[in-house]
């Protein structure tokens, strides 16, 4: 099984928000596109008053924390994550959100809601963590009401490819434990997977790249993305290698390939 969908690895990765926060921080600090990812995601959503929304893989709830002033009146918002630790953090982060927000632990392969329950469902960078995506798509379609939309973000095949190359250069043993990629659900093939379950699929891309000028945040990103058995004492040597690159070039340019599929149910 690919590490992206290995349950023991995911349990270790997402038992709390430390690893996720390290990855978010790199993008927040060094993205060339200054219009934030979560604001951009919200721009793509069509959320009507008094509608019911489900997010699968909500993480720490950053999408809603950053856009809470934009929510329409009477919205029922159910945020869910496979990780109880993530769900607990989302609950803490969104304690001041309006009364229509509920947080639950949910497996996308077995969604515990009735048919045609939601007008919109959101999955932000999480489908590549699902072992059986076909089962998840069947569940998502089942609980999505006719005329509703499923919003699924993912990455392209060359997303952050320079980071992977850097890790192999500095420490091949660490590279063997560094995970990257998307376990098959990508910007390149996601439309084909979704088209088997939804009547129309549209792809919207988010233009961006990373311009990294500091070594430590990039090292922390890399170490946040390795298996639990990795030697975290390698941080200093990793920082030194990255710094040597920065001393030569001044900046490390990193490719970003991200976007959203908007799939509708007839």
C-alpha atoms as a PDB file:
ATOM      1  CA  UNK A   1       0.000   0.000   0.000  1.00  0.00           C
ATOM      2  CA  UNK A   2       1.228   3.507  -0.790  1.00  0.00           C
ATOM      3  CA  UNK A   3       2.322   5.394   2.323  1.00  0.00           C
ATOM      4  CA  UNK A   4      -0.184   8.128   1.490  1.00  0.00           C
ATOM      5  CA  UNK A   5      -3.042   5.793   2.432  1.00  0.00           C
ATOM      6  CA  UNK A   6      -1.345   3.621   5.061  1.00  0.00           C
ATOM      7  CA  UNK A   7      -3.470   3.902   8.204  1.00  0.00           C
ATOM      8  CA  UNK A   8      -0.616   3.580  10.700  1.00  0.00           C
ATOM      9  CA  UNK A   9       1.409   6.230   8.923  1.00  0.00           C
ATOM     10  CA  UNK A  10      -1.565   8.592   8.694  1.00  0.00           C
ATOM     11  CA  UNK A  11      -2.361   8.054  12.368  1.00  0.00           C
ATOM     12  CA  UNK A  12       1.186   9.097  13.239  1.00  0.00           C
ATOM     13  CA  UNK A  13       1.203  12.010  10.788  1.00  0.00           C
ATOM     14  CA  UNK A  14      -2.103  13.480  11.910  1.00  0.00           C
ATOM     15  CA  UNK A  15      -2.339  12.645  15.598  1.00  0.00           C
ATOM     16  CA  UNK A  16      -1.948  16.416  16.109  1.00  0.00           C
ATOM     17  CA  UNK A  17      -1.424  19.485  13.937  1.00  0.00           C
ATOM     18  CA  UNK A  18       2.380  19.820  14.244  1.00  0.00           C
ATOM     19  CA  UNK A  19       3.260  18.233  10.897  1.00  0.00           C
ATOM     20  CA  UNK A  20       0.413  19.911   9.042  1.00  0.00           C
ATOM     21  CA  UNK A  21       1.313  23.311  10.509  1.00  0.00           C
ATOM     22  CA  UNK A  22       4.924  22.971   9.358  1.00  0.00           C
ATOM     23  CA  UNK A  23       3.743  22.286   5.824  1.00  0.00           C
ATOM     24  CA  UNK A  24       1.217  25.108   5.807  1.00  0.00           C
ATOM     25  CA  UNK A  25       3.835  27.520   7.178  1.00  0.00           C
ATOM     26  CA  UNK A  26       6.170  26.972   4.222  1.00  0.00           C
ATOM     27  CA  UNK A  27       3.401  27.883   1.782  1.00  0.00           C
ATOM     28  CA  UNK A  28       2.207  30.860   3.794  1.00  0.00           C
ATOM     29  CA  UNK A  29       5.689  32.357   4.058  1.00  0.00           C
ATOM     30  CA  UNK A  30       7.110  31.668   0.606  1.00  0.00           C
ATOM     31  CA  UNK A  31       4.250  31.431  -1.894  1.00  0.00           C
ATOM     32  CA  UNK A  32       4.583  33.845  -4.789  1.00  0.00           C
ATOM     33  CA  UNK A  33       0.798  34.083  -5.041  1.00  0.00           C
ATOM     34  CA  UNK A  34      -0.099  36.417  -2.176  1.00  0.00           C
ATOM     35  CA  UNK A  35      -3.812  35.637  -2.431  1.00  0.00           C
ATOM     36  CA  UNK A  36      -4.040  32.810   0.089  1.00  0.00           C
ATOM     37  CA  UNK A  37      -4.987  29.223  -0.688  1.00  0.00           C
ATOM     38  CA  UNK A  38      -7.910  29.073   1.718  1.00  0.00           C
ATOM     39  CA  UNK A  39      -9.372  32.358   0.481  1.00  0.00           C
ATOM     40  CA  UNK A  40      -9.055  31.039  -3.075  1.00  0.00           C
ATOM     41  CA  UNK A  41     -10.806  27.790  -2.169  1.00  0.00           C
ATOM     42  CA  UNK A  42     -13.684  29.706  -0.631  1.00  0.00           C
ATOM     43  CA  UNK A  43     -13.989  31.837  -3.793  1.00  0.00           C
ATOM     44  CA  UNK A  44     -14.732  28.683  -5.803  1.00  0.00           C
ATOM     45  CA  UNK A  45     -17.546  27.527  -3.512  1.00  0.00           C
ATOM     46  CA  UNK A  46     -21.222  28.238  -4.119  1.00  0.00           C
ATOM     47  CA  UNK A  47     -22.799  28.252  -0.658  1.00  0.00           C
ATOM     48  CA  UNK A  48     -26.442  29.283  -0.358  1.00  0.00           C
ATOM     49  CA  UNK A  49     -28.239  30.507   2.741  1.00  0.00           C
ATOM     50  CA  UNK A  50     -29.571  27.720   4.987  1.00  0.00           C
ATOM     51  CA  UNK A  51     -27.755  25.029   3.004  1.00  0.00           C
ATOM     52  CA  UNK A  52     -25.945  22.008   4.462  1.00  0.00           C
ATOM     53  CA  UNK A  53     -22.204  21.626   3.846  1.00  0.00           C
ATOM     54  CA  UNK A  54     -19.927  18.692   4.646  1.00  0.00           C
ATOM     55  CA  UNK A  55     -16.143  18.919   4.663  1.00  0.00           C
ATOM     56  CA  UNK A  56     -14.189  15.667   4.597  1.00  0.00           C
ATOM     57  CA  UNK A  57     -10.653  15.916   5.961  1.00  0.00           C
ATOM     58  CA  UNK A  58     -11.120  19.323   7.565  1.00  0.00           C
ATOM     59  CA  UNK A  59      -7.752  19.215   9.341  1.00  0.00           C
ATOM     60  CA  UNK A  60      -7.500  22.040  11.840  1.00  0.00           C
ATOM     61  CA  UNK A  61     -10.384  23.957  10.258  1.00  0.00           C
ATOM     62  CA  UNK A  62      -8.253  26.609   8.549  1.00  0.00           C
ATOM     63  CA  UNK A  63     -10.646  26.976   5.599  1.00  0.00           C
ATOM     64  CA  UNK A  64     -13.426  28.174   7.878  1.00  0.00           C
ATOM     65  CA  UNK A  65     -11.331  30.047  10.417  1.00  0.00           C
ATOM     66  CA  UNK A  66      -9.992  32.278   7.658  1.00  0.00           C
ATOM     67  CA  UNK A  67     -13.352  32.806   5.970  1.00  0.00           C
ATOM     68  CA  UNK A  68     -15.829  32.850   8.829  1.00  0.00           C
ATOM     69  CA  UNK A  69     -16.911  36.430   8.067  1.00  0.00           C
ATOM     70  CA  UNK A  70     -17.982  35.312   4.590  1.00  0.00           C
ATOM     71  CA  UNK A  71     -20.363  32.529   5.601  1.00  0.00           C
ATOM     72  CA  UNK A  72     -23.987  32.966   4.485  1.00  0.00           C
ATOM     73  CA  UNK A  73     -26.742  33.126   7.123  1.00  0.00           C
ATOM     74  CA  UNK A  74     -28.239  29.893   8.369  1.00  0.00           C
ATOM     75  CA  UNK A  75     -25.470  27.682   6.974  1.00  0.00           C
ATOM     76  CA  UNK A  76     -25.226  24.198   8.491  1.00  0.00           C
ATOM     77  CA  UNK A  77     -21.557  23.279   8.473  1.00  0.00           C
ATOM     78  CA  UNK A  78     -20.414  19.772   9.350  1.00  0.00           C
ATOM     79  CA  UNK A  79     -16.645  19.440   9.487  1.00  0.00           C
ATOM     80  CA  UNK A  80     -15.107  15.989   9.679  1.00  0.00           C
ATOM     81  CA  UNK A  81     -11.739  14.310   9.720  1.00  0.00           C
ATOM     82  CA  UNK A  82     -10.549  10.710   9.930  1.00  0.00           C
ATOM     83  CA  UNK A  83      -8.180  11.808  12.724  1.00  0.00           C
ATOM     84  CA  UNK A  84      -9.696  12.446  16.147  1.00  0.00           C
ATOM     85  CA  UNK A  85      -6.728  14.694  16.934  1.00  0.00           C
ATOM     86  CA  UNK A  86      -7.436  16.891  13.926  1.00  0.00           C
ATOM     87  CA  UNK A  87     -11.148  17.037  14.710  1.00  0.00           C
ATOM     88  CA  UNK A  88     -10.351  18.108  18.278  1.00  0.00           C
ATOM     89  CA  UNK A  89      -8.063  20.886  17.044  1.00  0.00           C
ATOM     90  CA  UNK A  90     -10.703  22.088  14.572  1.00  0.00           C
ATOM     91  CA  UNK A  91     -13.175  22.227  17.458  1.00  0.00           C
ATOM     92  CA  UNK A  92     -10.776  24.423  19.445  1.00  0.00           C
ATOM     93  CA  UNK A  93      -9.963  26.658  16.473  1.00  0.00           C
ATOM     94  CA  UNK A  94     -13.610  27.221  15.574  1.00  0.00           C
ATOM     95  CA  UNK A  95     -15.072  27.604  19.045  1.00  0.00           C
ATOM     96  CA  UNK A  96     -16.320  31.090  18.161  1.00  0.00           C
ATOM     97  CA  UNK A  97     -17.923  30.057  14.880  1.00  0.00           C
ATOM     98  CA  UNK A  98     -21.680  30.320  14.548  1.00  0.00           C
ATOM     99  CA  UNK A  99     -24.015  27.722  16.088  1.00  0.00           C
ATOM    100  CA  UNK A 100     -24.499  25.833  12.816  1.00  0.00           C
ATOM    101  CA  UNK A 101     -20.994  24.312  12.926  1.00  0.00           C
ATOM    102  CA  UNK A 102     -20.580  20.677  14.029  1.00  0.00           C
ATOM    103  CA  UNK A 103     -17.381  18.617  14.073  1.00  0.00           C
ATOM    104  CA  UNK A 104     -17.153  14.838  13.815  1.00  0.00           C
ATOM    105  CA  UNK A 105     -14.740  11.973  13.166  1.00  0.00           C
ATOM    106  CA  UNK A 106     -15.730  10.456   9.806  1.00  0.00           C
ATOM    107  CA  UNK A 107     -14.259   7.945   7.368  1.00  0.00           C
ATOM    108  CA  UNK A 108     -14.940   9.133   3.807  1.00  0.00           C
ATOM    109  CA  UNK A 109     -15.452   5.494   2.794  1.00  0.00           C
ATOM    110  CA  UNK A 110     -18.426   5.160   5.175  1.00  0.00           C
ATOM    111  CA  UNK A 111     -20.120   8.545   5.607  1.00  0.00           C
ATOM    112  CA  UNK A 112     -22.697   8.289   8.421  1.00  0.00           C
ATOM    113  CA  UNK A 113     -25.406  10.494   6.903  1.00  0.00           C
ATOM    114  CA  UNK A 114     -28.576   9.821   4.948  1.00  0.00           C
ATOM    115  CA  UNK A 115     -28.928  10.019   1.184  1.00  0.00           C
ATOM    116  CA  UNK A 116     -29.131  13.453  -0.482  1.00  0.00           C
ATOM    117  CA  UNK A 117     -28.172  15.174   2.788  1.00  0.00           C
ATOM    118  CA  UNK A 118     -25.771  17.918   1.620  1.00  0.00           C
ATOM    119  CA  UNK A 119     -25.854  20.621  -1.030  1.00  0.00           C
ATOM    120  CA  UNK A 120     -22.052  20.807  -1.140  1.00  0.00           C
ATOM    121  CA  UNK A 121     -19.188  18.527  -0.060  1.00  0.00           C
ATOM    122  CA  UNK A 122     -15.549  19.617   0.198  1.00  0.00           C
ATOM    123  CA  UNK A 123     -12.397  17.496   0.234  1.00  0.00           C
ATOM    124  CA  UNK A 124      -9.244  19.614   0.462  1.00  0.00           C
ATOM    125  CA  UNK A 125      -6.047  17.685  -0.319  1.00  0.00           C
ATOM    126  CA  UNK A 126      -7.327  14.473   1.252  1.00  0.00           C
ATOM    127  CA  UNK A 127      -8.529  12.082  -1.457  1.00  0.00           C
ATOM    128  CA  UNK A 128      -5.002  10.727  -1.991  1.00  0.00           C
ATOM    129  CA  UNK A 129      -5.144   9.524   1.627  1.00  0.00           C
ATOM    130  CA  UNK A 130      -8.232   7.352   1.003  1.00  0.00           C
ATOM    131  CA  UNK A 131      -7.395   3.662   0.424  1.00  0.00           C
ATOM    132  CA  UNK A 132     -10.547   2.947  -1.630  1.00  0.00           C
ATOM    133  CA  UNK A 133     -11.458   6.091  -3.547  1.00  0.00           C
ATOM    134  CA  UNK A 134     -14.172   4.387  -5.568  1.00  0.00           C
ATOM    135  CA  UNK A 135     -15.956   3.520  -2.343  1.00  0.00           C
ATOM    136  CA  UNK A 136     -15.493   7.094  -1.130  1.00  0.00           C
ATOM    137  CA  UNK A 137     -16.847   8.544  -4.387  1.00  0.00           C
ATOM    138  CA  UNK A 138     -19.908   6.307  -4.111  1.00  0.00           C
ATOM    139  CA  UNK A 139     -20.497   7.549  -0.566  1.00  0.00           C
ATOM    140  CA  UNK A 140     -19.958  11.186  -1.514  1.00  0.00           C
ATOM    141  CA  UNK A 141     -22.384  10.927  -4.402  1.00  0.00           C
ATOM    142  CA  UNK A 142     -24.933   9.193  -2.182  1.00  0.00           C
ATOM    143  CA  UNK A 143     -25.033  11.936   0.462  1.00  0.00           C
ATOM    144  CA  UNK A 144     -24.829  14.795  -2.065  1.00  0.00           C
ATOM    145  CA  UNK A 145     -28.222  16.111  -3.112  1.00  0.00           C
ATOM    146  CA  UNK A 146     -29.222  16.372  -6.800  1.00  0.00           C
ATOM    147  CA  UNK A 147     -27.849  19.607  -8.211  1.00  0.00           C
ATOM    148  CA  UNK A 148     -25.176  19.720  -5.506  1.00  0.00           C
ATOM    149  CA  UNK A 149     -21.433  20.111  -6.024  1.00  0.00           C
ATOM    150  CA  UNK A 150     -18.421  18.197  -4.790  1.00  0.00           C
ATOM    151  CA  UNK A 151     -15.283  20.347  -4.466  1.00  0.00           C
ATOM    152  CA  UNK A 152     -12.035  18.358  -4.423  1.00  0.00           C
ATOM    153  CA  UNK A 153      -8.572  19.908  -4.371  1.00  0.00           C
ATOM    154  CA  UNK A 154      -5.426  17.984  -5.219  1.00  0.00           C
ATOM    155  CA  UNK A 155      -1.928  18.339  -6.639  1.00  0.00           C
ATOM    156  CA  UNK A 156      -0.234  17.719  -9.963  1.00  0.00           C
ATOM    157  CA  UNK A 157       2.422  15.151 -10.739  1.00  0.00           C
ATOM    158  CA  UNK A 158       5.272  17.696 -10.536  1.00  0.00           C
ATOM    159  CA  UNK A 159       4.058  19.434  -7.392  1.00  0.00           C
ATOM    160  CA  UNK A 160       7.088  20.293  -5.194  1.00  0.00           C
ATOM    161  CA  UNK A 161       9.303  18.083  -7.350  1.00  0.00           C
ATOM    162  CA  UNK A 162      12.390  20.150  -6.479  1.00  0.00           C
ATOM    163  CA  UNK A 163      11.993  19.289  -2.793  1.00  0.00           C
ATOM    164  CA  UNK A 164      12.049  15.595  -3.587  1.00  0.00           C
ATOM    165  CA  UNK A 165      15.172  16.041  -5.708  1.00  0.00           C
ATOM    166  CA  UNK A 166      16.863  18.041  -2.941  1.00  0.00           C
ATOM    167  CA  UNK A 167      16.204  15.357  -0.329  1.00  0.00           C
ATOM    168  CA  UNK A 168      17.706  12.668  -2.547  1.00  0.00           C
ATOM    169  CA  UNK A 169      20.829  14.796  -3.026  1.00  0.00           C
ATOM    170  CA  UNK A 170      21.409  15.535   0.636  1.00  0.00           C
ATOM    171  CA  UNK A 171      20.393  12.244   2.264  1.00  0.00           C
ATOM    172  CA  UNK A 172      19.241   9.198   0.236  1.00  0.00           C
ATOM    173  CA  UNK A 173      18.300   7.330   3.408  1.00  0.00           C
ATOM    174  CA  UNK A 174      16.057  10.177   4.482  1.00  0.00           C
ATOM    175  CA  UNK A 175      14.647  10.379   0.957  1.00  0.00           C
ATOM    176  CA  UNK A 176      13.521   6.772   1.219  1.00  0.00           C
ATOM    177  CA  UNK A 177      11.288   7.837   4.108  1.00  0.00           C
ATOM    178  CA  UNK A 178      10.186  11.145   2.629  1.00  0.00           C
ATOM    179  CA  UNK A 179       6.733  10.953   1.093  1.00  0.00           C
ATOM    180  CA  UNK A 180       5.505  13.130  -1.700  1.00  0.00           C
ATOM    181  CA  UNK A 181       3.154  12.759  -4.630  1.00  0.00           C
ATOM    182  CA  UNK A 182      -0.553  12.031  -4.622  1.00  0.00           C
ATOM    183  CA  UNK A 183      -1.126   8.240  -4.647  1.00  0.00           C
ATOM    184  CA  UNK A 184      -2.820   8.396  -8.039  1.00  0.00           C
ATOM    185  CA  UNK A 185      -5.408  11.163  -7.628  1.00  0.00           C
ATOM    186  CA  UNK A 186      -3.851  14.114  -9.450  1.00  0.00           C
ATOM    187  CA  UNK A 187      -4.755  17.156 -11.483  1.00  0.00           C
ATOM    188  CA  UNK A 188      -3.867  15.058 -14.519  1.00  0.00           C
ATOM    189  CA  UNK A 189      -6.177  12.082 -13.916  1.00  0.00           C
ATOM    190  CA  UNK A 190      -8.674  13.230 -11.286  1.00  0.00           C
ATOM    191  CA  UNK A 191     -11.274  14.290 -13.832  1.00  0.00           C
ATOM    192  CA  UNK A 192     -11.398  10.770 -15.224  1.00  0.00           C
ATOM    193  CA  UNK A 193     -11.980   9.257 -11.786  1.00  0.00           C
ATOM    194  CA  UNK A 194     -14.686  11.760 -10.900  1.00  0.00           C
ATOM    195  CA  UNK A 195     -16.464  11.506 -14.260  1.00  0.00           C
ATOM    196  CA  UNK A 196     -17.542   7.938 -13.426  1.00  0.00           C
ATOM    197  CA  UNK A 197     -19.601   9.292 -10.530  1.00  0.00           C
ATOM    198  CA  UNK A 198     -20.610  12.841 -11.429  1.00  0.00           C
ATOM    199  CA  UNK A 199     -22.442  14.359 -14.394  1.00  0.00           C
ATOM    200  CA  UNK A 200     -20.016  17.242 -15.017  1.00  0.00           C
ATOM    201  CA  UNK A 201     -16.443  17.893 -13.868  1.00  0.00           C
ATOM    202  CA  UNK A 202     -14.528  21.164 -14.138  1.00  0.00           C
ATOM    203  CA  UNK A 203     -10.898  21.839 -13.185  1.00  0.00           C
ATOM    204  CA  UNK A 204      -9.790  25.234 -11.843  1.00  0.00           C
ATOM    205  CA  UNK A 205      -6.056  25.720 -11.221  1.00  0.00           C
ATOM    206  CA  UNK A 206      -4.368  27.873  -8.581  1.00  0.00           C
ATOM    207  CA  UNK A 207      -1.273  29.582 -10.041  1.00  0.00           C
ATOM    208  CA  UNK A 208       1.654  29.653  -7.646  1.00  0.00           C
ATOM    209  CA  UNK A 209       5.223  28.644  -6.869  1.00  0.00           C
ATOM    210  CA  UNK A 210       7.447  28.779  -3.792  1.00  0.00           C
ATOM    211  CA  UNK A 211      10.389  31.176  -3.594  1.00  0.00           C
ATOM    212  CA  UNK A 212      12.217  29.910  -0.516  1.00  0.00           C
ATOM    213  CA  UNK A 213      14.855  32.195   1.030  1.00  0.00           C
ATOM    214  CA  UNK A 214      15.364  30.536   4.443  1.00  0.00           C
ATOM    215  CA  UNK A 215      16.747  27.081   5.160  1.00  0.00           C
ATOM    216  CA  UNK A 216      15.034  26.126   8.425  1.00  0.00           C
ATOM    217  CA  UNK A 217      11.372  26.312   7.253  1.00  0.00           C
ATOM    218  CA  UNK A 218      12.173  24.097   4.270  1.00  0.00           C
ATOM    219  CA  UNK A 219      14.022  21.599   6.468  1.00  0.00           C
ATOM    220  CA  UNK A 220      11.078  21.510   8.862  1.00  0.00           C
ATOM    221  CA  UNK A 221       8.705  20.903   5.939  1.00  0.00           C
ATOM    222  CA  UNK A 222      10.788  17.948   4.810  1.00  0.00           C
ATOM    223  CA  UNK A 223      11.021  16.458   8.301  1.00  0.00           C
ATOM    224  CA  UNK A 224       7.269  16.856   8.763  1.00  0.00           C
ATOM    225  CA  UNK A 225       6.732  14.605   5.763  1.00  0.00           C
ATOM    226  CA  UNK A 226       8.762  11.537   6.685  1.00  0.00           C
ATOM    227  CA  UNK A 227       7.854   8.330   8.424  1.00  0.00           C
ATOM    228  CA  UNK A 228       8.004   8.265  12.199  1.00  0.00           C
ATOM    229  CA  UNK A 229      11.180   6.170  12.114  1.00  0.00           C
ATOM    230  CA  UNK A 230      13.174   8.979  10.479  1.00  0.00           C
ATOM    231  CA  UNK A 231      16.163  10.384  12.369  1.00  0.00           C
ATOM    232  CA  UNK A 232      15.158  13.910  13.342  1.00  0.00           C
ATOM    233  CA  UNK A 233      18.764  14.639  14.420  1.00  0.00           C
ATOM    234  CA  UNK A 234      19.489  15.112  10.719  1.00  0.00           C
ATOM    235  CA  UNK A 235      17.827  18.531  10.856  1.00  0.00           C
ATOM    236  CA  UNK A 236      21.066  20.482  11.246  1.00  0.00           C
ATOM    237  CA  UNK A 237      22.797  18.777   8.319  1.00  0.00           C
ATOM    238  CA  UNK A 238      19.681  19.297   6.207  1.00  0.00           C
ATOM    239  CA  UNK A 239      19.609  22.990   7.102  1.00  0.00           C
ATOM    240  CA  UNK A 240      23.312  23.298   6.253  1.00  0.00           C
ATOM    241  CA  UNK A 241      22.811  21.723   2.828  1.00  0.00           C
ATOM    242  CA  UNK A 242      19.848  23.964   2.014  1.00  0.00           C
ATOM    243  CA  UNK A 243      21.731  27.030   3.246  1.00  0.00           C
ATOM    244  CA  UNK A 244      24.636  26.197   0.936  1.00  0.00           C
ATOM    245  CA  UNK A 245      22.188  26.236  -1.955  1.00  0.00           C
ATOM    246  CA  UNK A 246      20.790  29.555  -0.823  1.00  0.00           C
ATOM    247  CA  UNK A 247      24.298  31.011  -0.490  1.00  0.00           C
ATOM    248  CA  UNK A 248      24.867  30.165  -4.169  1.00  0.00           C
ATOM    249  CA  UNK A 249      21.490  31.182  -5.601  1.00  0.00           C
ATOM    250  CA  UNK A 250      19.780  33.437  -3.058  1.00  0.00           C
ATOM    251  CA  UNK A 251      16.482  31.639  -3.565  1.00  0.00           C
ATOM    252  CA  UNK A 252      15.225  28.099  -4.156  1.00  0.00           C
ATOM    253  CA  UNK A 253      12.358  28.025  -6.658  1.00  0.00           C
ATOM    254  CA  UNK A 254       9.869  25.207  -6.112  1.00  0.00           C
ATOM    255  CA  UNK A 255       7.106  24.179  -8.497  1.00  0.00           C
ATOM    256  CA  UNK A 256       3.545  24.170  -7.212  1.00  0.00           C
ATOM    257  CA  UNK A 257       0.762  22.416  -9.105  1.00  0.00           C
ATOM    258  CA  UNK A 258      -2.526  22.695  -7.238  1.00  0.00           C
ATOM    259  CA  UNK A 259      -6.153  23.139  -8.141  1.00  0.00           C
ATOM    260  CA  UNK A 260      -9.755  22.145  -7.593  1.00  0.00           C
ATOM    261  CA  UNK A 261     -12.164  19.831  -9.334  1.00  0.00           C
ATOM    262  CA  UNK A 262     -15.787  20.965  -9.204  1.00  0.00           C
ATOM    263  CA  UNK A 263     -18.031  17.959  -9.811  1.00  0.00           C
ATOM    264  CA  UNK A 264     -21.817  18.218  -9.982  1.00  0.00           C
ATOM    265  CA  UNK A 265     -24.524  15.622  -9.407  1.00  0.00           C
ATOM    266  CA  UNK A 266     -27.491  15.677 -11.757  1.00  0.00           C
END
